C-alpha atoms as a PDB file:
ATOM      1  CA  UNK A   1      37.044 -38.067 114.795  1.00  0.00           C
ATOM      2  CA  UNK A   2      38.927 -38.141 111.445  1.00  0.00           C
ATOM      3  CA  UNK A   3      37.655 -40.784 109.146  1.00  0.00           C
ATOM      4  CA  UNK A   4      40.230 -42.279 106.629  1.00  0.00           C
ATOM      5  CA  UNK A   5      39.108 -41.420 102.795  1.00  0.00           C
ATOM      6  CA  UNK A   6      38.266 -44.018 100.419  1.00  0.00           C
ATOM      7  CA  UNK A   7      41.549 -44.250  98.882  1.00  0.00           C
ATOM      8  CA  UNK A   8      43.287 -44.705 102.294  1.00  0.00           C
ATOM      9  CA  UNK A   9      41.084 -47.862 103.023  1.00  0.00           C
ATOM     10  CA  UNK A  10      41.362 -49.032  99.411  1.00  0.00           C
ATOM     11  CA  UNK A  11      45.357 -48.378  99.573  1.00  0.00           C
ATOM     12  CA  UNK A  12      46.105 -48.247 103.202  1.00  0.00           C
ATOM     13  CA  UNK A  13      50.013 -48.751 102.713  1.00  0.00           C
ATOM     14  CA  UNK A  14      50.208 -46.052  99.707  1.00  0.00           C
ATOM     15  CA  UNK A  15      51.578 -48.653  97.604  1.00  0.00           C
ATOM     16  CA  UNK A  16      50.197 -46.314  94.146  1.00  0.00           C
ATOM     17  CA  UNK A  17      51.712 -43.766  95.657  1.00  0.00           C
ATOM     18  CA  UNK A  18      55.258 -44.432  93.977  1.00  0.00           C
ATOM     19  CA  UNK A  19      53.977 -46.959  91.595  1.00  0.00           C
ATOM     20  CA  UNK A  20      54.884 -45.120  88.418  1.00  0.00           C
ATOM     21  CA  UNK A  21      57.921 -43.547  90.037  1.00  0.00           C
ATOM     22  CA  UNK A  22      59.318 -47.011  90.097  1.00  0.00           C
ATOM     23  CA  UNK A  23      58.812 -47.994  86.307  1.00  0.00           C
ATOM     24  CA  UNK A  24      60.378 -44.956  85.335  1.00  0.00           C
ATOM     25  CA  UNK A  25      63.514 -45.296  87.461  1.00  0.00           C
ATOM     26  CA  UNK A  26      63.840 -48.829  86.548  1.00  0.00           C
ATOM     27  CA  UNK A  27      66.959 -50.797  87.207  1.00  0.00           C
ATOM     28  CA  UNK A  28      70.113 -49.339  88.121  1.00  0.00           C
ATOM     29  CA  UNK A  29      72.396 -48.080  85.414  1.00  0.00           C
ATOM     30  CA  UNK A  30      75.702 -49.590  85.239  1.00  0.00           C
ATOM     31  CA  UNK A  31      77.992 -48.600  87.844  1.00  0.00           C
ATOM     32  CA  UNK A  32      75.545 -46.569  89.300  1.00  0.00           C
ATOM     33  CA  UNK A  33      75.688 -46.571  93.091  1.00  0.00           C
ATOM     34  CA  UNK A  34      71.957 -46.124  93.958  1.00  0.00           C
ATOM     35  CA  UNK A  35      70.590 -45.576  97.334  1.00  0.00           C
ATOM     36  CA  UNK A  36      67.053 -45.781  98.652  1.00  0.00           C
ATOM     37  CA  UNK A  37      65.611 -43.650 101.311  1.00  0.00           C
ATOM     38  CA  UNK A  38      62.486 -45.303 102.943  1.00  0.00           C
ATOM     39  CA  UNK A  39      60.668 -43.314 105.888  1.00  0.00           C
ATOM     40  CA  UNK A  40      57.801 -40.951 106.714  1.00  0.00           C
ATOM     41  CA  UNK A  41      57.207 -37.120 106.442  1.00  0.00           C
ATOM     42  CA  UNK A  42      60.810 -36.549 107.363  1.00  0.00           C
ATOM     43  CA  UNK A  43      62.230 -38.517 104.366  1.00  0.00           C
ATOM     44  CA  UNK A  44      59.603 -37.431 102.150  1.00  0.00           C
ATOM     45  CA  UNK A  45      60.246 -33.588 102.906  1.00  0.00           C
ATOM     46  CA  UNK A  46      63.825 -34.026 102.691  1.00  0.00           C
ATOM     47  CA  UNK A  47      63.437 -33.629  98.983  1.00  0.00           C
ATOM     48  CA  UNK A  48      61.656 -30.092  98.974  1.00  0.00           C
ATOM     49  CA  UNK A  49      63.881 -28.715 101.640  1.00  0.00           C
ATOM     50  CA  UNK A  50      67.361 -29.897 100.192  1.00  0.00           C
ATOM     51  CA  UNK A  51      66.903 -31.061  96.742  1.00  0.00           C
ATOM     52  CA  UNK A  52      70.081 -30.760  95.787  1.00  0.00           C
ATOM     53  CA  UNK A  53      70.865 -33.803  98.229  1.00  0.00           C
ATOM     54  CA  UNK A  54      69.086 -36.442  95.642  1.00  0.00           C
ATOM     55  CA  UNK A  55      69.655 -34.653  92.485  1.00  0.00           C
ATOM     56  CA  UNK A  56      73.290 -34.703  92.996  1.00  0.00           C
ATOM     57  CA  UNK A  57      73.496 -38.395  93.999  1.00  0.00           C
ATOM     58  CA  UNK A  58      72.378 -41.535  92.952  1.00  0.00           C
ATOM     59  CA  UNK A  59      69.523 -41.117  95.890  1.00  0.00           C
ATOM     60  CA  UNK A  60      65.942 -42.003  95.819  1.00  0.00           C
ATOM     61  CA  UNK A  61      63.542 -40.776  97.918  1.00  0.00           C
ATOM     62  CA  UNK A  62      60.412 -43.027  99.191  1.00  0.00           C
ATOM     63  CA  UNK A  63      59.441 -41.379 102.013  1.00  0.00           C
ATOM     64  CA  UNK A  64      55.528 -41.046 102.671  1.00  0.00           C
ATOM     65  CA  UNK A  65      54.217 -38.336 105.087  1.00  0.00           C
ATOM     66  CA  UNK A  66      52.307 -39.828 107.996  1.00  0.00           C
ATOM     67  CA  UNK A  67      53.309 -43.504 107.657  1.00  0.00           C
ATOM     68  CA  UNK A  68      54.275 -45.868 110.487  1.00  0.00           C
ATOM     69  CA  UNK A  69      56.453 -48.794 110.055  1.00  0.00           C
ATOM     70  CA  UNK A  70      54.152 -51.860 109.128  1.00  0.00           C
ATOM     71  CA  UNK A  71      52.901 -49.305 106.258  1.00  0.00           C
ATOM     72  CA  UNK A  72      56.814 -49.073 105.184  1.00  0.00           C
ATOM     73  CA  UNK A  73      57.120 -52.813 105.462  1.00  0.00           C
ATOM     74  CA  UNK A  74      54.245 -53.347 103.091  1.00  0.00           C
ATOM     75  CA  UNK A  75      55.545 -51.271 100.199  1.00  0.00           C
ATOM     76  CA  UNK A  76      59.007 -52.356 101.283  1.00  0.00           C
ATOM     77  CA  UNK A  77      59.682 -54.638  97.946  1.00  0.00           C
ATOM     78  CA  UNK A  78      58.395 -52.456  95.495  1.00  0.00           C
ATOM     79  CA  UNK A  79      59.349 -49.178  96.609  1.00  0.00           C
ATOM     80  CA  UNK A  80      63.076 -50.419  98.107  1.00  0.00           C
ATOM     81  CA  UNK A  81      64.096 -54.071  97.063  1.00  0.00           C
ATOM     82  CA  UNK A  82      62.723 -53.640  93.428  1.00  0.00           C
ATOM     83  CA  UNK A  83      65.095 -50.794  92.627  1.00  0.00           C
ATOM     84  CA  UNK A  84      68.076 -52.965  93.376  1.00  0.00           C
ATOM     85  CA  UNK A  85      70.071 -50.295  95.251  1.00  0.00           C
ATOM     86  CA  UNK A  86      73.354 -51.022  96.840  1.00  0.00           C
ATOM     87  CA  UNK A  87      71.940 -49.947 100.309  1.00  0.00           C
ATOM     88  CA  UNK A  88      68.988 -48.543 101.558  1.00  0.00           C
ATOM     89  CA  UNK A  89      68.645 -46.119 104.423  1.00  0.00           C
ATOM     90  CA  UNK A  90      65.405 -46.862 106.738  1.00  0.00           C
ATOM     91  CA  UNK A  91      63.835 -44.500 109.148  1.00  0.00           C
ATOM     92  CA  UNK A  92      60.824 -45.114 110.822  1.00  0.00           C
ATOM     93  CA  UNK A  93      58.753 -44.723 114.180  1.00  0.00           C
ATOM     94  CA  UNK A  94      58.204 -41.551 115.340  1.00  0.00           C
ATOM     95  CA  UNK A  95      54.618 -41.925 113.730  1.00  0.00           C
ATOM     96  CA  UNK A  96      53.917 -45.174 115.245  1.00  0.00           C
ATOM     97  CA  UNK A  97      54.667 -43.689 118.679  1.00  0.00           C
ATOM     98  CA  UNK A  98      52.310 -40.890 117.546  1.00  0.00           C
ATOM     99  CA  UNK A  99      49.533 -43.737 117.290  1.00  0.00           C
ATOM    100  CA  UNK A 100      49.225 -42.431 113.369  1.00  0.00           C
ATOM    101  CA  UNK A 101      47.863 -46.161 112.950  1.00  0.00           C
ATOM    102  CA  UNK A 102      46.607 -47.750 115.796  1.00  0.00           C
ATOM    103  CA  UNK A 103      48.475 -48.466 119.078  1.00  0.00           C
ATOM    104  CA  UNK A 104      51.947 -49.487 118.550  1.00  0.00           C
ATOM    105  CA  UNK A 105      54.082 -51.043 121.008  1.00  0.00           C
ATOM    106  CA  UNK A 106      58.074 -51.004 120.768  1.00  0.00           C
ATOM    107  CA  UNK A 107      58.278 -54.195 120.339  1.00  0.00           C
ATOM    108  CA  UNK A 108      56.099 -53.695 117.354  1.00  0.00           C
ATOM    109  CA  UNK A 109      58.281 -51.164 115.932  1.00  0.00           C
ATOM    110  CA  UNK A 110      61.287 -53.331 116.517  1.00  0.00           C
ATOM    111  CA  UNK A 111      59.187 -56.353 114.186  1.00  0.00           C
ATOM    112  CA  UNK A 112      59.017 -54.179 111.728  1.00  0.00           C
ATOM    113  CA  UNK A 113      62.629 -52.387 111.455  1.00  0.00           C
ATOM    114  CA  UNK A 114      63.827 -55.873 111.615  1.00  0.00           C
ATOM    115  CA  UNK A 115      61.389 -57.305 108.835  1.00  0.00           C
ATOM    116  CA  UNK A 116      62.627 -54.422 106.421  1.00  0.00           C
ATOM    117  CA  UNK A 117      66.444 -55.113 107.438  1.00  0.00           C
ATOM    118  CA  UNK A 118      65.871 -58.916 106.954  1.00  0.00           C
ATOM    119  CA  UNK A 119      64.403 -58.483 103.688  1.00  0.00           C
ATOM    120  CA  UNK A 120      66.920 -55.803 102.300  1.00  0.00           C
ATOM    121  CA  UNK A 121      69.883 -58.470 103.168  1.00  0.00           C
ATOM    122  CA  UNK A 122      67.903 -61.335 101.619  1.00  0.00           C
ATOM    123  CA  UNK A 123      68.459 -59.130  98.763  1.00  0.00           C
ATOM    124  CA  UNK A 124      71.937 -58.359  98.942  1.00  0.00           C
ATOM    125  CA  UNK A 125      71.062 -54.673  99.962  1.00  0.00           C
ATOM    126  CA  UNK A 126      72.896 -53.100 102.730  1.00  0.00           C
ATOM    127  CA  UNK A 127      71.326 -51.892 105.480  1.00  0.00           C
ATOM    128  CA  UNK A 128      71.464 -48.611 107.088  1.00  0.00           C
ATOM    129  CA  UNK A 129      68.988 -48.134 110.164  1.00  0.00           C
ATOM    130  CA  UNK A 130      68.579 -45.012 111.124  1.00  0.00           C
ATOM    131  CA  UNK A 131      67.809 -43.743 114.878  1.00  0.00           C
ATOM    132  CA  UNK A 132      64.461 -42.005 114.973  1.00  0.00           C
ATOM    133  CA  UNK A 133      64.927 -37.887 115.676  1.00  0.00           C
ATOM    134  CA  UNK A 134      64.216 -36.480 119.061  1.00  0.00           C
ATOM    135  CA  UNK A 135      60.853 -35.342 120.045  1.00  0.00           C
ATOM    136  CA  UNK A 136      59.226 -34.497 123.424  1.00  0.00           C
ATOM    137  CA  UNK A 137      55.849 -33.506 121.848  1.00  0.00           C
ATOM    138  CA  UNK A 138      53.869 -33.948 118.691  1.00  0.00           C
ATOM    139  CA  UNK A 139      51.797 -31.123 117.551  1.00  0.00           C
ATOM    140  CA  UNK A 140      48.807 -33.136 116.009  1.00  0.00           C
ATOM    141  CA  UNK A 141      48.897 -35.653 119.031  1.00  0.00           C
ATOM    142  CA  UNK A 142      49.902 -33.191 121.839  1.00  0.00           C
ATOM    143  CA  UNK A 143      50.372 -35.044 125.692  1.00  0.00           C
ATOM    144  CA  UNK A 144      52.132 -38.221 124.484  1.00  0.00           C
ATOM    145  CA  UNK A 145      55.668 -38.037 126.387  1.00  0.00           C
ATOM    146  CA  UNK A 146      57.695 -39.355 123.087  1.00  0.00           C
ATOM    147  CA  UNK A 147      60.679 -38.522 124.750  1.00  0.00           C
ATOM    148  CA  UNK A 148      61.670 -41.868 126.723  1.00  0.00           C
ATOM    149  CA  UNK A 149      60.136 -43.824 124.350  1.00  0.00           C
ATOM    150  CA  UNK A 150      61.985 -42.538 121.079  1.00  0.00           C
ATOM    151  CA  UNK A 151      65.080 -42.770 123.231  1.00  0.00           C
ATOM    152  CA  UNK A 152      64.512 -46.663 124.034  1.00  0.00           C
ATOM    153  CA  UNK A 153      63.818 -47.689 120.860  1.00  0.00           C
ATOM    154  CA  UNK A 154      66.903 -45.633 119.530  1.00  0.00           C
ATOM    155  CA  UNK A 155      68.886 -48.025 122.271  1.00  0.00           C
ATOM    156  CA  UNK A 156      67.457 -51.144 120.490  1.00  0.00           C
ATOM    157  CA  UNK A 157      68.252 -49.989 116.924  1.00  0.00           C
ATOM    158  CA  UNK A 158      71.902 -49.345 117.473  1.00  0.00           C
ATOM    159  CA  UNK A 159      71.845 -52.593 119.324  1.00  0.00           C
ATOM    160  CA  UNK A 160      70.496 -54.571 116.637  1.00  0.00           C
ATOM    161  CA  UNK A 161      72.615 -52.786 114.012  1.00  0.00           C
ATOM    162  CA  UNK A 162      75.636 -53.855 115.950  1.00  0.00           C
ATOM    163  CA  UNK A 163      74.814 -57.506 116.116  1.00  0.00           C
ATOM    164  CA  UNK A 164      73.024 -57.906 112.905  1.00  0.00           C
ATOM    165  CA  UNK A 165      75.672 -56.184 110.572  1.00  0.00           C
ATOM    166  CA  UNK A 166      73.651 -52.951 109.726  1.00  0.00           C
ATOM    167  CA  UNK A 167      75.035 -49.657 109.351  1.00  0.00           C
ATOM    168  CA  UNK A 168      73.675 -47.416 112.748  1.00  0.00           C
ATOM    169  CA  UNK A 169      72.752 -43.898 111.544  1.00  0.00           C
ATOM    170  CA  UNK A 170      72.731 -41.662 114.277  1.00  0.00           C
ATOM    171  CA  UNK A 171      70.506 -38.564 113.789  1.00  0.00           C
ATOM    172  CA  UNK A 172      69.440 -38.547 117.033  1.00  0.00           C
ATOM    173  CA  UNK A 173      72.403 -37.812 119.386  1.00  0.00           C
ATOM    174  CA  UNK A 174      73.827 -34.870 116.995  1.00  0.00           C
ATOM    175  CA  UNK A 175      70.007 -33.143 117.040  1.00  0.00           C
ATOM    176  CA  UNK A 176      68.559 -33.791 120.829  1.00  0.00           C
ATOM    177  CA  UNK A 177      68.405 -31.554 123.662  1.00  0.00           C
ATOM    178  CA  UNK A 178      68.688 -32.147 127.588  1.00  0.00           C
ATOM    179  CA  UNK A 179      64.525 -32.953 127.405  1.00  0.00           C
ATOM    180  CA  UNK A 180      65.057 -35.422 124.694  1.00  0.00           C
ATOM    181  CA  UNK A 181      63.582 -33.069 122.459  1.00  0.00           C
ATOM    182  CA  UNK A 182      64.825 -31.907 119.001  1.00  0.00           C
ATOM    183  CA  UNK A 183      67.107 -28.498 119.528  1.00  0.00           C
ATOM    184  CA  UNK A 184      65.139 -25.498 118.579  1.00  0.00           C
ATOM    185  CA  UNK A 185      67.762 -24.355 115.851  1.00  0.00           C
ATOM    186  CA  UNK A 186      66.932 -27.573 113.558  1.00  0.00           C
ATOM    187  CA  UNK A 187      63.279 -27.322 114.068  1.00  0.00           C
ATOM    188  CA  UNK A 188      59.907 -25.104 113.826  1.00  0.00           C
ATOM    189  CA  UNK A 189      57.536 -27.966 115.489  1.00  0.00           C
ATOM    190  CA  UNK A 190      59.793 -29.898 117.479  1.00  0.00           C
ATOM    191  CA  UNK A 191      59.147 -32.799 115.032  1.00  0.00           C
ATOM    192  CA  UNK A 192      60.422 -31.921 111.633  1.00  0.00           C
ATOM    193  CA  UNK A 193      63.608 -30.641 110.594  1.00  0.00           C
ATOM    194  CA  UNK A 194      64.235 -27.514 108.842  1.00  0.00           C
ATOM    195  CA  UNK A 195      66.969 -26.526 106.373  1.00  0.00           C
ATOM    196  CA  UNK A 196      69.741 -26.381 109.193  1.00  0.00           C
ATOM    197  CA  UNK A 197      68.336 -29.858 110.773  1.00  0.00           C
ATOM    198  CA  UNK A 198      68.703 -31.555 107.492  1.00  0.00           C
ATOM    199  CA  UNK A 199      72.018 -30.253 106.483  1.00  0.00           C
ATOM    200  CA  UNK A 200      73.446 -31.928 109.863  1.00  0.00           C
ATOM    201  CA  UNK A 201      71.502 -35.302 108.725  1.00  0.00           C
ATOM    202  CA  UNK A 202      72.833 -35.366 105.079  1.00  0.00           C
ATOM    203  CA  UNK A 203      76.262 -35.106 106.869  1.00  0.00           C
ATOM    204  CA  UNK A 204      75.557 -37.898 108.887  1.00  0.00           C
ATOM    205  CA  UNK A 205      74.004 -39.592 106.161  1.00  0.00           C
ATOM    206  CA  UNK A 206      76.418 -39.799 104.040  1.00  0.00           C
ATOM    207  CA  UNK A 207      78.808 -41.011 106.430  1.00  0.00           C
ATOM    208  CA  UNK A 208      76.673 -43.869 106.919  1.00  0.00           C
ATOM    209  CA  UNK A 209      75.954 -44.748 103.228  1.00  0.00           C
ATOM    210  CA  UNK A 210      80.009 -44.199 102.900  1.00  0.00           C
ATOM    211  CA  UNK A 211      80.361 -46.865 105.391  1.00  0.00           C
ATOM    212  CA  UNK A 212      77.833 -49.075 103.983  1.00  0.00           C
ATOM    213  CA  UNK A 213      79.090 -49.062 100.705  1.00  0.00           C
ATOM    214  CA  UNK A 214      83.112 -49.829 102.052  1.00  0.00           C
ATOM    215  CA  UNK A 215      81.562 -52.981 103.811  1.00  0.00           C
END
Protein backbone atom coordinates (compact mmCIF):
# COMPACT_ATOMS: atom_id res chain seq x y z
CA UNK A 1 0.00 0.00 0.00
CA UNK A 2 1.23 3.51 -0.87
CA UNK A 3 0.59 5.96 1.94
CA UNK A 4 0.17 9.70 1.22
CA UNK A 5 2.88 12.07 2.37
CA UNK A 6 2.19 14.64 5.10
CA UNK A 7 2.16 17.37 2.43
CA UNK A 8 -0.46 15.46 0.44
CA UNK A 9 -2.63 15.09 3.53
CA UNK A 10 -2.34 18.76 4.47
CA UNK A 11 -2.71 20.06 0.90
CA UNK A 12 -4.74 17.38 -0.86
CA UNK A 13 -5.53 19.49 -3.99
CA UNK A 14 -1.94 20.85 -4.09
CA UNK A 15 -3.00 24.50 -3.85
CA UNK A 16 0.57 25.40 -2.93
CA UNK A 17 2.00 24.12 -6.21
CA UNK A 18 1.29 27.24 -8.28
CA UNK A 19 0.74 29.77 -5.49
CA UNK A 20 3.93 31.75 -6.17
CA UNK A 21 3.64 31.34 -9.94
CA UNK A 22 0.13 32.78 -9.81
CA UNK A 23 1.36 35.81 -7.87
CA UNK A 24 4.12 36.30 -10.42
CA UNK A 25 1.73 35.98 -13.36
CA UNK A 26 -0.56 38.65 -11.94
CA UNK A 27 -3.42 39.93 -14.04
CA UNK A 28 -3.33 39.98 -17.85
CA UNK A 29 -1.68 42.98 -19.44
CA UNK A 30 -3.82 45.20 -21.70
CA UNK A 31 -4.48 43.35 -24.94
CA UNK A 32 -3.18 40.02 -23.60
CA UNK A 33 -5.23 37.05 -24.76
CA UNK A 34 -4.40 34.82 -21.82
CA UNK A 35 -5.32 31.14 -21.94
CA UNK A 36 -4.98 28.75 -18.99
CA UNK A 37 -4.66 25.01 -19.48
CA UNK A 38 -5.94 23.07 -16.45
CA UNK A 39 -5.21 19.38 -16.13
CA UNK A 40 -3.11 16.52 -14.88
CA UNK A 41 0.24 15.05 -15.99
CA UNK A 42 -0.74 15.17 -19.65
CA UNK A 43 -1.07 18.95 -19.37
CA UNK A 44 1.88 19.40 -17.01
CA UNK A 45 4.31 17.48 -19.23
CA UNK A 46 3.29 19.49 -22.28
CA UNK A 47 5.53 22.38 -21.15
CA UNK A 48 8.48 20.02 -20.84
CA UNK A 49 8.03 18.19 -24.13
CA UNK A 50 6.99 21.23 -26.19
CA UNK A 51 8.00 24.39 -24.30
CA UNK A 52 7.65 26.55 -27.43
CA UNK A 53 3.89 25.96 -27.41
CA UNK A 54 3.72 27.98 -24.21
CA UNK A 55 6.60 30.44 -24.64
CA UNK A 56 5.38 31.52 -28.08
CA UNK A 57 1.81 32.07 -26.86
CA UNK A 58 0.10 33.72 -23.87
CA UNK A 59 -0.66 30.26 -22.49
CA UNK A 60 -0.31 29.32 -18.82
CA UNK A 61 0.12 25.68 -17.82
CA UNK A 62 -1.66 24.61 -14.63
CA UNK A 63 -1.36 20.84 -14.91
CA UNK A 64 -0.40 18.68 -11.93
CA UNK A 65 0.67 15.08 -12.36
CA UNK A 66 -1.64 12.46 -10.93
CA UNK A 67 -4.54 14.79 -10.21
CA UNK A 68 -8.19 13.86 -10.40
CA UNK A 69 -11.07 16.18 -11.23
CA UNK A 70 -12.10 16.82 -7.59
CA UNK A 71 -8.59 18.11 -6.89
CA UNK A 72 -8.72 20.22 -10.05
CA UNK A 73 -12.09 21.63 -9.02
CA UNK A 74 -10.79 22.76 -5.62
CA UNK A 75 -7.89 24.66 -7.16
CA UNK A 76 -9.84 25.98 -10.13
CA UNK A 77 -10.41 29.41 -8.60
CA UNK A 78 -6.80 30.25 -7.65
CA UNK A 79 -5.20 28.49 -10.62
CA UNK A 80 -7.63 29.57 -13.35
CA UNK A 81 -10.34 32.06 -12.42
CA UNK A 82 -8.04 34.40 -10.47
CA UNK A 83 -5.71 34.67 -13.48
CA UNK A 84 -8.57 36.15 -15.53
CA UNK A 85 -7.89 34.33 -18.80
CA UNK A 86 -10.00 34.78 -21.90
CA UNK A 87 -10.46 31.02 -22.09
CA UNK A 88 -9.69 27.88 -20.08
CA UNK A 89 -8.79 24.52 -21.59
CA UNK A 90 -9.91 21.79 -19.17
CA UNK A 91 -8.55 18.25 -19.52
CA UNK A 92 -9.20 15.73 -16.78
CA UNK A 93 -10.73 12.37 -15.97
CA UNK A 94 -8.06 9.78 -16.74
CA UNK A 95 -6.80 9.63 -13.16
CA UNK A 96 -10.34 9.45 -11.81
CA UNK A 97 -10.98 6.36 -13.92
CA UNK A 98 -7.66 4.94 -12.70
CA UNK A 99 -8.81 5.47 -9.10
CA UNK A 100 -5.94 7.75 -8.08
CA UNK A 101 -7.96 9.30 -5.25
CA UNK A 102 -10.33 6.41 -4.70
CA UNK A 103 -13.23 4.91 -6.64
CA UNK A 104 -14.92 7.39 -8.95
CA UNK A 105 -18.03 6.97 -11.07
CA UNK A 106 -18.47 8.64 -14.44
CA UNK A 107 -21.21 10.76 -12.87
CA UNK A 108 -18.74 12.09 -10.31
CA UNK A 109 -16.29 13.04 -13.06
CA UNK A 110 -19.04 14.69 -15.07
CA UNK A 111 -20.19 16.67 -12.03
CA UNK A 112 -16.66 18.00 -11.44
CA UNK A 113 -16.12 18.96 -15.08
CA UNK A 114 -19.53 20.64 -15.13
CA UNK A 115 -18.70 22.59 -11.95
CA UNK A 116 -15.43 23.86 -13.43
CA UNK A 117 -17.26 24.96 -16.57
CA UNK A 118 -19.89 26.78 -14.51
CA UNK A 119 -17.23 28.57 -12.43
CA UNK A 120 -15.42 29.69 -15.58
CA UNK A 121 -18.53 30.92 -17.35
CA UNK A 122 -19.61 32.86 -14.25
CA UNK A 123 -16.29 34.72 -14.52
CA UNK A 124 -16.78 35.41 -18.25
CA UNK A 125 -14.12 32.87 -19.20
CA UNK A 126 -14.79 30.89 -22.37
CA UNK A 127 -14.75 27.15 -21.69
CA UNK A 128 -12.94 24.55 -23.78
CA UNK A 129 -13.72 21.03 -22.57
CA UNK A 130 -11.24 18.43 -23.80
CA UNK A 131 -11.94 14.81 -24.52
CA UNK A 132 -10.01 12.37 -22.36
CA UNK A 133 -7.12 10.87 -24.32
CA UNK A 134 -7.52 7.21 -25.34
CA UNK A 135 -6.04 4.47 -23.18
CA UNK A 136 -6.77 0.76 -22.90
CA UNK A 137 -4.59 0.22 -19.83
CA UNK A 138 -2.82 2.27 -17.13
CA UNK A 139 0.81 1.31 -16.35
CA UNK A 140 0.37 2.36 -12.69
CA UNK A 141 -3.04 0.65 -12.33
CA UNK A 142 -3.08 -2.29 -14.77
CA UNK A 143 -6.09 -4.40 -15.63
CA UNK A 144 -8.78 -1.73 -15.27
CA UNK A 145 -9.83 -1.81 -18.94
CA UNK A 146 -10.57 1.92 -19.15
CA UNK A 147 -11.25 2.23 -22.89
CA UNK A 148 -15.03 1.88 -22.69
CA UNK A 149 -15.36 4.28 -19.76
CA UNK A 150 -13.22 6.86 -21.57
CA UNK A 151 -15.35 6.61 -24.71
CA UNK A 152 -18.56 6.98 -22.68
CA UNK A 153 -17.19 9.97 -20.75
CA UNK A 154 -16.11 11.62 -24.00
CA UNK A 155 -19.61 11.22 -25.42
CA UNK A 156 -20.95 13.08 -22.38
CA UNK A 157 -18.31 15.84 -22.67
CA UNK A 158 -19.19 16.34 -26.33
CA UNK A 159 -22.92 16.49 -25.59
CA UNK A 160 -22.51 18.79 -22.58
CA UNK A 161 -20.32 21.15 -24.60
CA UNK A 162 -22.84 21.35 -27.42
CA UNK A 163 -25.71 22.09 -25.04
CA UNK A 164 -23.92 24.54 -22.75
CA UNK A 165 -22.01 26.93 -25.01
CA UNK A 166 -18.61 25.28 -24.50
CA UNK A 167 -16.08 24.40 -27.18
CA UNK A 168 -15.42 20.66 -27.43
CA UNK A 169 -11.75 19.88 -27.99
CA UNK A 170 -11.62 16.39 -29.47
CA UNK A 171 -8.17 14.90 -29.00
CA UNK A 172 -9.58 11.37 -28.81
CA UNK A 173 -10.72 10.90 -32.41
CA UNK A 174 -7.33 11.83 -33.84
CA UNK A 175 -5.28 9.74 -31.42
CA UNK A 176 -7.19 6.49 -30.85
CA UNK A 177 -6.67 3.07 -32.37
CA UNK A 178 -9.38 0.51 -33.15
CA UNK A 179 -9.25 -0.92 -29.62
CA UNK A 180 -9.82 2.41 -27.90
CA UNK A 181 -6.18 2.77 -26.94
CA UNK A 182 -3.74 5.44 -28.05
CA UNK A 183 -1.99 4.99 -31.37
CA UNK A 184 1.53 3.74 -30.67
CA UNK A 185 3.18 6.53 -32.62
CA UNK A 186 1.78 9.11 -30.19
CA UNK A 187 2.92 7.62 -26.87
CA UNK A 188 5.59 5.49 -25.22
CA UNK A 189 3.32 4.13 -22.47
CA UNK A 190 -0.14 4.26 -24.03
CA UNK A 191 -1.26 7.15 -21.79
CA UNK A 192 1.13 10.09 -21.96
CA UNK A 193 1.80 11.73 -25.34
CA UNK A 194 5.27 11.96 -26.85
CA UNK A 195 6.44 14.89 -28.98
CA UNK A 196 4.47 13.61 -31.98
CA UNK A 197 1.35 13.28 -29.86
CA UNK A 198 1.70 16.77 -28.44
CA UNK A 199 2.14 18.15 -31.95
CA UNK A 200 -1.29 16.74 -32.84
CA UNK A 201 -2.76 18.11 -29.62
CA UNK A 202 -1.27 21.56 -30.24
CA UNK A 203 -2.88 21.77 -33.66
CA UNK A 204 -6.27 20.75 -32.28
CA UNK A 205 -5.96 23.01 -29.23
CA UNK A 206 -5.09 26.04 -31.35
CA UNK A 207 -8.20 25.46 -33.45
CA UNK A 208 -10.39 25.11 -30.37
CA UNK A 209 -8.90 28.22 -28.77
CA UNK A 210 -9.57 30.15 -31.95
CA UNK A 211 -13.18 29.00 -31.89
CA UNK A 212 -13.58 29.99 -28.24
CA UNK A 213 -12.12 33.44 -28.77
CA UNK A 214 -14.24 33.97 -31.84
CA UNK A 215 -17.50 33.30 -30.03
